[in-house]
Amino acid sequence: AKNSVYLQMDSMKPEDTAVYFCGAVVTDVY
């Protein structure tokens, strides 16, 4: 309904530090 996807991140670690990107693809196998 909001045309959005969410990422809930819990118990985060220093190694989670990064730039986070979302990407879209039509083919489900990917």
ModelCIF file with pLDDT and N, C-alpha, C, O atoms, coordinates in Angstrom:
data_MODEL
#
_entry.id   MODEL 
#
_entity.id                         1 
_entity.type                       polymer 
_entity.pdbx_number_of_molecules   1 
#
_entity_poly.entity_id                      1 
_entity_poly.type                           'polypeptide(L)' 
_entity_poly.nstd_linkage                   no 
_entity_poly.nstd_monomer                   no 
_entity_poly.pdbx_seq_one_letter_code       AKNSVYLQMDSMKPEDTAVYFCGAVVTDVY 
_entity_poly.pdbx_seq_one_letter_code_can   AKNSVYLQMDSMKPEDTAVYFCGAVVTDVY 
_entity_poly.pdbx_strand_id                 A 
#
loop_
_entity_poly_seq.entity_id 
_entity_poly_seq.num 
_entity_poly_seq.mon_id 
_entity_poly_seq.hetero 
1 1  ALA n 
1 2  LYS n 
1 3  ASN n 
1 4  SER n 
1 5  VAL n 
1 6  TYR n 
1 7  LEU n 
1 8  GLN n 
1 9  MET n 
1 10 ASP n 
1 11 SER n 
1 12 MET n 
1 13 LYS n 
1 14 PRO n 
1 15 GLU n 
1 16 ASP n 
1 17 THR n 
1 18 ALA n 
1 19 VAL n 
1 20 TYR n 
1 21 PHE n 
1 22 CYS n 
1 23 GLY n 
1 24 ALA n 
1 25 VAL n 
1 26 VAL n 
1 27 THR n 
1 28 ASP n 
1 29 VAL n 
1 30 TYR n 
#
_struct_asym.id          A 
_struct_asym.entity_id   1 
#
loop_
_ma_qa_metric.id 
_ma_qa_metric.mode 
_ma_qa_metric.name 
_ma_qa_metric.software_group_id 
_ma_qa_metric.type 
1 global pLDDT . pLDDT 
2 local  pLDDT . pLDDT 
#
_ma_qa_metric_global.metric_id      1 
_ma_qa_metric_global.metric_value   94.80 
_ma_qa_metric_global.model_id       1 
_ma_qa_metric_global.ordinal_id     1 
#
loop_
_ma_qa_metric_local.label_asym_id 
_ma_qa_metric_local.label_comp_id 
_ma_qa_metric_local.label_seq_id 
_ma_qa_metric_local.metric_id 
_ma_qa_metric_local.metric_value 
_ma_qa_metric_local.model_id 
_ma_qa_metric_local.ordinal_id 
A ALA 1  2 93.00 1 1  
A LYS 2  2 96.00 1 2  
A ASN 3  2 95.00 1 3  
A SER 4  2 96.00 1 4  
A VAL 5  2 96.00 1 5  
A TYR 6  2 97.00 1 6  
A LEU 7  2 98.00 1 7  
A GLN 8  2 98.00 1 8  
A MET 9  2 98.00 1 9  
A ASP 10 2 98.00 1 10 
A SER 11 2 98.00 1 11 
A MET 12 2 98.00 1 12 
A LYS 13 2 97.00 1 13 
A PRO 14 2 97.00 1 14 
A GLU 15 2 96.00 1 15 
A ASP 16 2 97.00 1 16 
A THR 17 2 98.00 1 17 
A ALA 18 2 98.00 1 18 
A VAL 19 2 98.00 1 19 
A TYR 20 2 98.00 1 20 
A PHE 21 2 97.00 1 21 
A CYS 22 2 97.00 1 22 
A GLY 23 2 96.00 1 23 
A ALA 24 2 95.00 1 24 
A VAL 25 2 93.00 1 25 
A VAL 26 2 91.00 1 26 
A THR 27 2 86.00 1 27 
A ASP 28 2 80.00 1 28 
A VAL 29 2 83.00 1 29 
A TYR 30 2 86.00 1 30 
#
loop_
_atom_site.group_PDB 
_atom_site.id 
_atom_site.type_symbol 
_atom_site.label_atom_id 
_atom_site.label_alt_id 
_atom_site.label_comp_id 
_atom_site.label_asym_id 
_atom_site.label_entity_id 
_atom_site.label_seq_id 
_atom_site.pdbx_PDB_ins_code 
_atom_site.Cartn_x 
_atom_site.Cartn_y 
_atom_site.Cartn_z 
_atom_site.occupancy 
_atom_site.B_iso_or_equiv 
_atom_site.pdbx_formal_charge 
_atom_site.auth_seq_id 
_atom_site.auth_comp_id 
_atom_site.auth_asym_id 
_atom_site.auth_atom_id 
_atom_site.pdbx_PDB_model_num 
ATOM 1   N N  . ALA A 1 1  ? 0.821  -1.206  0.000   1.00 93.00 ? 1  ALA A N  1 
ATOM 2   C CA . ALA A 1 1  ? 0.000  0.000   0.000   1.00 93.00 ? 1  ALA A CA 1 
ATOM 3   C C  . ALA A 1 1  ? 0.858  1.259   0.000   1.00 93.00 ? 1  ALA A C  1 
ATOM 4   O O  . ALA A 1 1  ? 0.468  2.279   -0.568  1.00 93.00 ? 1  ALA A O  1 
ATOM 5   N N  . LYS A 1 2  ? 2.022  1.189   0.635   1.00 96.00 ? 2  LYS A N  1 
ATOM 6   C CA . LYS A 1 2  ? 2.940  2.324   0.674   1.00 96.00 ? 2  LYS A CA 1 
ATOM 7   C C  . LYS A 1 2  ? 4.046  2.210   -0.359  1.00 96.00 ? 2  LYS A C  1 
ATOM 8   O O  . LYS A 1 2  ? 4.919  3.074   -0.433  1.00 96.00 ? 2  LYS A O  1 
ATOM 9   N N  . ASN A 1 3  ? 4.015  1.146   -1.159  1.00 95.00 ? 3  ASN A N  1 
ATOM 10  C CA . ASN A 1 3  ? 5.008  0.938   -2.208  1.00 95.00 ? 3  ASN A CA 1 
ATOM 11  C C  . ASN A 1 3  ? 6.424  0.960   -1.634  1.00 95.00 ? 3  ASN A C  1 
ATOM 12  O O  . ASN A 1 3  ? 7.334  1.553   -2.213  1.00 95.00 ? 3  ASN A O  1 
ATOM 13  N N  . SER A 1 4  ? 6.594  0.299   -0.481  1.00 96.00 ? 4  SER A N  1 
ATOM 14  C CA . SER A 1 4  ? 7.860  0.340   0.237   1.00 96.00 ? 4  SER A CA 1 
ATOM 15  C C  . SER A 1 4  ? 8.244  -1.034  0.774   1.00 96.00 ? 4  SER A C  1 
ATOM 16  O O  . SER A 1 4  ? 7.394  -1.894  1.009   1.00 96.00 ? 4  SER A O  1 
ATOM 17  N N  . VAL A 1 5  ? 9.546  -1.211  0.960   1.00 96.00 ? 5  VAL A N  1 
ATOM 18  C CA . VAL A 1 5  ? 10.120 -2.380  1.606   1.00 96.00 ? 5  VAL A CA 1 
ATOM 19  C C  . VAL A 1 5  ? 10.942 -1.894  2.790   1.00 96.00 ? 5  VAL A C  1 
ATOM 20  O O  . VAL A 1 5  ? 11.562 -0.832  2.734   1.00 96.00 ? 5  VAL A O  1 
ATOM 21  N N  . TYR A 1 6  ? 10.943 -2.684  3.870   1.00 97.00 ? 6  TYR A N  1 
ATOM 22  C CA . TYR A 1 6  ? 11.619 -2.284  5.090   1.00 97.00 ? 6  TYR A CA 1 
ATOM 23  C C  . TYR A 1 6  ? 12.650 -3.315  5.507   1.00 97.00 ? 6  TYR A C  1 
ATOM 24  O O  . TYR A 1 6  ? 12.518 -4.504  5.217   1.00 97.00 ? 6  TYR A O  1 
ATOM 25  N N  . LEU A 1 7  ? 13.674 -2.840  6.192   1.00 98.00 ? 7  LEU A N  1 
ATOM 26  C CA . LEU A 1 7  ? 14.704 -3.696  6.763   1.00 98.00 ? 7  LEU A CA 1 
ATOM 27  C C  . LEU A 1 7  ? 14.821 -3.371  8.244   1.00 98.00 ? 7  LEU A C  1 
ATOM 28  O O  . LEU A 1 7  ? 15.289 -2.295  8.615   1.00 98.00 ? 7  LEU A O  1 
ATOM 29  N N  . GLN A 1 8  ? 14.394 -4.304  9.088   1.00 98.00 ? 8  GLN A N  1 
ATOM 30  C CA . GLN A 1 8  ? 14.539 -4.161  10.530  1.00 98.00 ? 8  GLN A CA 1 
ATOM 31  C C  . GLN A 1 8  ? 15.821 -4.856  10.956  1.00 98.00 ? 8  GLN A C  1 
ATOM 32  O O  . GLN A 1 8  ? 15.979 -6.057  10.739  1.00 98.00 ? 8  GLN A O  1 
ATOM 33  N N  . MET A 1 9  ? 16.735 -4.110  11.559  1.00 98.00 ? 9  MET A N  1 
ATOM 34  C CA . MET A 1 9  ? 18.027 -4.630  11.977  1.00 98.00 ? 9  MET A CA 1 
ATOM 35  C C  . MET A 1 9  ? 18.111 -4.578  13.492  1.00 98.00 ? 9  MET A C  1 
ATOM 36  O O  . MET A 1 9  ? 18.020 -3.506  14.091  1.00 98.00 ? 9  MET A O  1 
ATOM 37  N N  . ASP A 1 10 ? 18.286 -5.737  14.109  1.00 98.00 ? 10 ASP A N  1 
ATOM 38  C CA . ASP A 1 10 ? 18.399 -5.860  15.554  1.00 98.00 ? 10 ASP A CA 1 
ATOM 39  C C  . ASP A 1 10 ? 19.735 -6.503  15.911  1.00 98.00 ? 10 ASP A C  1 
ATOM 40  O O  . ASP A 1 10 ? 20.395 -7.103  15.062  1.00 98.00 ? 10 ASP A O  1 
ATOM 41  N N  . SER A 1 11 ? 20.123 -6.369  17.173  1.00 98.00 ? 11 SER A N  1 
ATOM 42  C CA . SER A 1 11 ? 21.378 -6.947  17.669  1.00 98.00 ? 11 SER A CA 1 
ATOM 43  C C  . SER A 1 11 ? 22.540 -6.610  16.755  1.00 98.00 ? 11 SER A C  1 
ATOM 44  O O  . SER A 1 11 ? 23.313 -7.485  16.365  1.00 98.00 ? 11 SER A O  1 
ATOM 45  N N  . MET A 1 12 ? 22.654 -5.355  16.422  1.00 98.00 ? 12 MET A N  1 
ATOM 46  C CA . MET A 1 12 ? 23.625 -4.942  15.427  1.00 98.00 ? 12 MET A CA 1 
ATOM 47  C C  . MET A 1 12 ? 25.062 -5.045  15.930  1.00 98.00 ? 12 MET A C  1 
ATOM 48  O O  . MET A 1 12 ? 25.342 -4.871  17.116  1.00 98.00 ? 12 MET A O  1 
ATOM 49  N N  . LYS A 1 13 ? 25.956 -5.331  14.995  1.00 97.00 ? 13 LYS A N  1 
ATOM 50  C CA . LYS A 1 13 ? 27.365 -5.530  15.266  1.00 97.00 ? 13 LYS A CA 1 
ATOM 51  C C  . LYS A 1 13 ? 28.193 -4.531  14.471  1.00 97.00 ? 13 LYS A C  1 
ATOM 52  O O  . LYS A 1 13 ? 27.733 -4.026  13.447  1.00 97.00 ? 13 LYS A O  1 
ATOM 53  N N  . PRO A 1 14 ? 29.410 -4.237  14.927  1.00 97.00 ? 14 PRO A N  1 
ATOM 54  C CA . PRO A 1 14 ? 30.263 -3.320  14.161  1.00 97.00 ? 14 PRO A CA 1 
ATOM 55  C C  . PRO A 1 14 ? 30.469 -3.762  12.717  1.00 97.00 ? 14 PRO A C  1 
ATOM 56  O O  . PRO A 1 14 ? 30.593 -2.914  11.833  1.00 97.00 ? 14 PRO A O  1 
ATOM 57  N N  . GLU A 1 15 ? 30.508 -5.058  12.457  1.00 96.00 ? 15 GLU A N  1 
ATOM 58  C CA . GLU A 1 15 ? 30.693 -5.538  11.095  1.00 96.00 ? 15 GLU A CA 1 
ATOM 59  C C  . GLU A 1 15 ? 29.484 -5.307  10.195  1.00 96.00 ? 15 GLU A C  1 
ATOM 60  O O  . GLU A 1 15 ? 29.557 -5.560  8.993   1.00 96.00 ? 15 GLU A O  1 
ATOM 61  N N  . ASP A 1 16 ? 28.370 -4.830  10.760  1.00 97.00 ? 16 ASP A N  1 
ATOM 62  C CA . ASP A 1 16 ? 27.222 -4.431  9.955   1.00 97.00 ? 16 ASP A CA 1 
ATOM 63  C C  . ASP A 1 16 ? 27.405 -3.044  9.344   1.00 97.00 ? 16 ASP A C  1 
ATOM 64  O O  . ASP A 1 16 ? 26.593 -2.624  8.521   1.00 97.00 ? 16 ASP A O  1 
ATOM 65  N N  . THR A 1 17 ? 28.442 -2.341  9.729   1.00 98.00 ? 17 THR A N  1 
ATOM 66  C CA . THR A 1 17 ? 28.703 -1.012  9.194   1.00 98.00 ? 17 THR A CA 1 
ATOM 67  C C  . THR A 1 17 ? 28.920 -1.078  7.690   1.00 98.00 ? 17 THR A C  1 
ATOM 68  O O  . THR A 1 17 ? 29.788 -1.811  7.214   1.00 98.00 ? 17 THR A O  1 
ATOM 69  N N  . ALA A 1 18 ? 28.132 -0.313  6.944   1.00 98.00 ? 18 ALA A N  1 
ATOM 70  C CA . ALA A 1 18 ? 28.195 -0.344  5.487   1.00 98.00 ? 18 ALA A CA 1 
ATOM 71  C C  . ALA A 1 18 ? 27.221 0.686   4.929   1.00 98.00 ? 18 ALA A C  1 
ATOM 72  O O  . ALA A 1 18 ? 26.401 1.246   5.657   1.00 98.00 ? 18 ALA A O  1 
ATOM 73  N N  . VAL A 1 19 ? 27.324 0.923   3.632   1.00 98.00 ? 19 VAL A N  1 
ATOM 74  C CA . VAL A 1 19 ? 26.262 1.607   2.909   1.00 98.00 ? 19 VAL A CA 1 
ATOM 75  C C  . VAL A 1 19 ? 25.262 0.545   2.468   1.00 98.00 ? 19 VAL A C  1 
ATOM 76  O O  . VAL A 1 19 ? 25.640 -0.453  1.855   1.00 98.00 ? 19 VAL A O  1 
ATOM 77  N N  . TYR A 1 20 ? 23.999 0.759   2.779   1.00 98.00 ? 20 TYR A N  1 
ATOM 78  C CA . TYR A 1 20 ? 22.953 -0.198  2.455   1.00 98.00 ? 20 TYR A CA 1 
ATOM 79  C C  . TYR A 1 20 ? 22.157 0.285   1.247   1.00 98.00 ? 20 TYR A C  1 
ATOM 80  O O  . TYR A 1 20 ? 21.713 1.432   1.198   1.00 98.00 ? 20 TYR A O  1 
ATOM 81  N N  . PHE A 1 21 ? 21.983 -0.606  0.277   1.00 97.00 ? 21 PHE A N  1 
ATOM 82  C CA . PHE A 1 21 ? 21.273 -0.314  -0.957  1.00 97.00 ? 21 PHE A CA 1 
ATOM 83  C C  . PHE A 1 21 ? 20.089 -1.260  -1.106  1.00 97.00 ? 21 PHE A C  1 
ATOM 84  O O  . PHE A 1 21 ? 20.160 -2.413  -0.680  1.00 97.00 ? 21 PHE A O  1 
ATOM 85  N N  . CYS A 1 22 ? 19.004 -0.787  -1.704  1.00 97.00 ? 22 CYS A N  1 
ATOM 86  C CA . CYS A 1 22 ? 17.965 -1.693  -2.143  1.00 97.00 ? 22 CYS A CA 1 
ATOM 87  C C  . CYS A 1 22 ? 17.979 -1.773  -3.662  1.00 97.00 ? 22 CYS A C  1 
ATOM 88  O O  . CYS A 1 22 ? 18.298 -0.803  -4.349  1.00 97.00 ? 22 CYS A O  1 
ATOM 89  N N  . GLY A 1 23 ? 17.631 -2.942  -4.169  1.00 96.00 ? 23 GLY A N  1 
ATOM 90  C CA . GLY A 1 23 ? 17.596 -3.181  -5.599  1.00 96.00 ? 23 GLY A CA 1 
ATOM 91  C C  . GLY A 1 23 ? 16.360 -3.977  -5.972  1.00 96.00 ? 23 GLY A C  1 
ATOM 92  O O  . GLY A 1 23 ? 15.818 -4.713  -5.147  1.00 96.00 ? 23 GLY A O  1 
ATOM 93  N N  . ALA A 1 24 ? 15.912 -3.834  -7.212  1.00 95.00 ? 24 ALA A N  1 
ATOM 94  C CA . ALA A 1 24 ? 14.705 -4.492  -7.700  1.00 95.00 ? 24 ALA A CA 1 
ATOM 95  C C  . ALA A 1 24 ? 15.012 -5.322  -8.937  1.00 95.00 ? 24 ALA A C  1 
ATOM 96  O O  . ALA A 1 24 ? 15.812 -4.929  -9.786  1.00 95.00 ? 24 ALA A O  1 
ATOM 97  N N  . VAL A 1 25 ? 14.359 -6.482  -9.023  1.00 93.00 ? 25 VAL A N  1 
ATOM 98  C CA . VAL A 1 25 ? 14.506 -7.358  -10.176 1.00 93.00 ? 25 VAL A CA 1 
ATOM 99  C C  . VAL A 1 25 ? 13.185 -8.080  -10.425 1.00 93.00 ? 25 VAL A C  1 
ATOM 100 O O  . VAL A 1 25 ? 12.496 -8.464  -9.479  1.00 93.00 ? 25 VAL A O  1 
ATOM 101 N N  . VAL A 1 26 ? 12.835 -8.264  -11.689 1.00 91.00 ? 26 VAL A N  1 
ATOM 102 C CA . VAL A 1 26 ? 11.582 -8.925  -12.040 1.00 91.00 ? 26 VAL A CA 1 
ATOM 103 C C  . VAL A 1 26 ? 11.683 -10.440 -11.873 1.00 91.00 ? 26 VAL A C  1 
ATOM 104 O O  . VAL A 1 26 ? 10.726 -11.075 -11.430 1.00 91.00 ? 26 VAL A O  1 
ATOM 105 N N  . THR A 1 27 ? 12.809 -11.016 -12.214 1.00 86.00 ? 27 THR A N  1 
ATOM 106 C CA . THR A 1 27 ? 12.981 -12.467 -12.209 1.00 86.00 ? 27 THR A CA 1 
ATOM 107 C C  . THR A 1 27 ? 13.120 -12.980 -10.790 1.00 86.00 ? 27 THR A C  1 
ATOM 108 O O  . THR A 1 27 ? 14.060 -12.612 -10.084 1.00 86.00 ? 27 THR A O  1 
ATOM 109 N N  . ASP A 1 28 ? 12.188 -13.833 -10.362 1.00 80.00 ? 28 ASP A N  1 
ATOM 110 C CA . ASP A 1 28 ? 12.128 -14.275 -8.978  1.00 80.00 ? 28 ASP A CA 1 
ATOM 111 C C  . ASP A 1 28 ? 13.337 -15.092 -8.544  1.00 80.00 ? 28 ASP A C  1 
ATOM 112 O O  . ASP A 1 28 ? 13.718 -15.043 -7.374  1.00 80.00 ? 28 ASP A O  1 
ATOM 113 N N  . VAL A 1 29 ? 13.952 -15.843 -9.458  1.00 83.00 ? 29 VAL A N  1 
ATOM 114 C CA . VAL A 1 29 ? 15.046 -16.720 -9.059  1.00 83.00 ? 29 VAL A CA 1 
ATOM 115 C C  . VAL A 1 29 ? 16.218 -15.951 -8.475  1.00 83.00 ? 29 VAL A C  1 
ATOM 116 O O  . VAL A 1 29 ? 16.982 -16.506 -7.685  1.00 83.00 ? 29 VAL A O  1 
ATOM 117 N N  . TYR A 1 30 ? 16.376 -14.697 -8.841  1.00 86.00 ? 30 TYR A N  1 
ATOM 118 C CA . TYR A 1 30 ? 17.485 -13.894 -8.321  1.00 86.00 ? 30 TYR A CA 1 
ATOM 119 C C  . TYR A 1 30 ? 17.261 -13.434 -6.887  1.00 86.00 ? 30 TYR A C  1 
ATOM 120 O O  . TYR A 1 30 ? 18.111 -12.749 -6.318  1.00 86.00 ? 30 TYR A O  1 
#
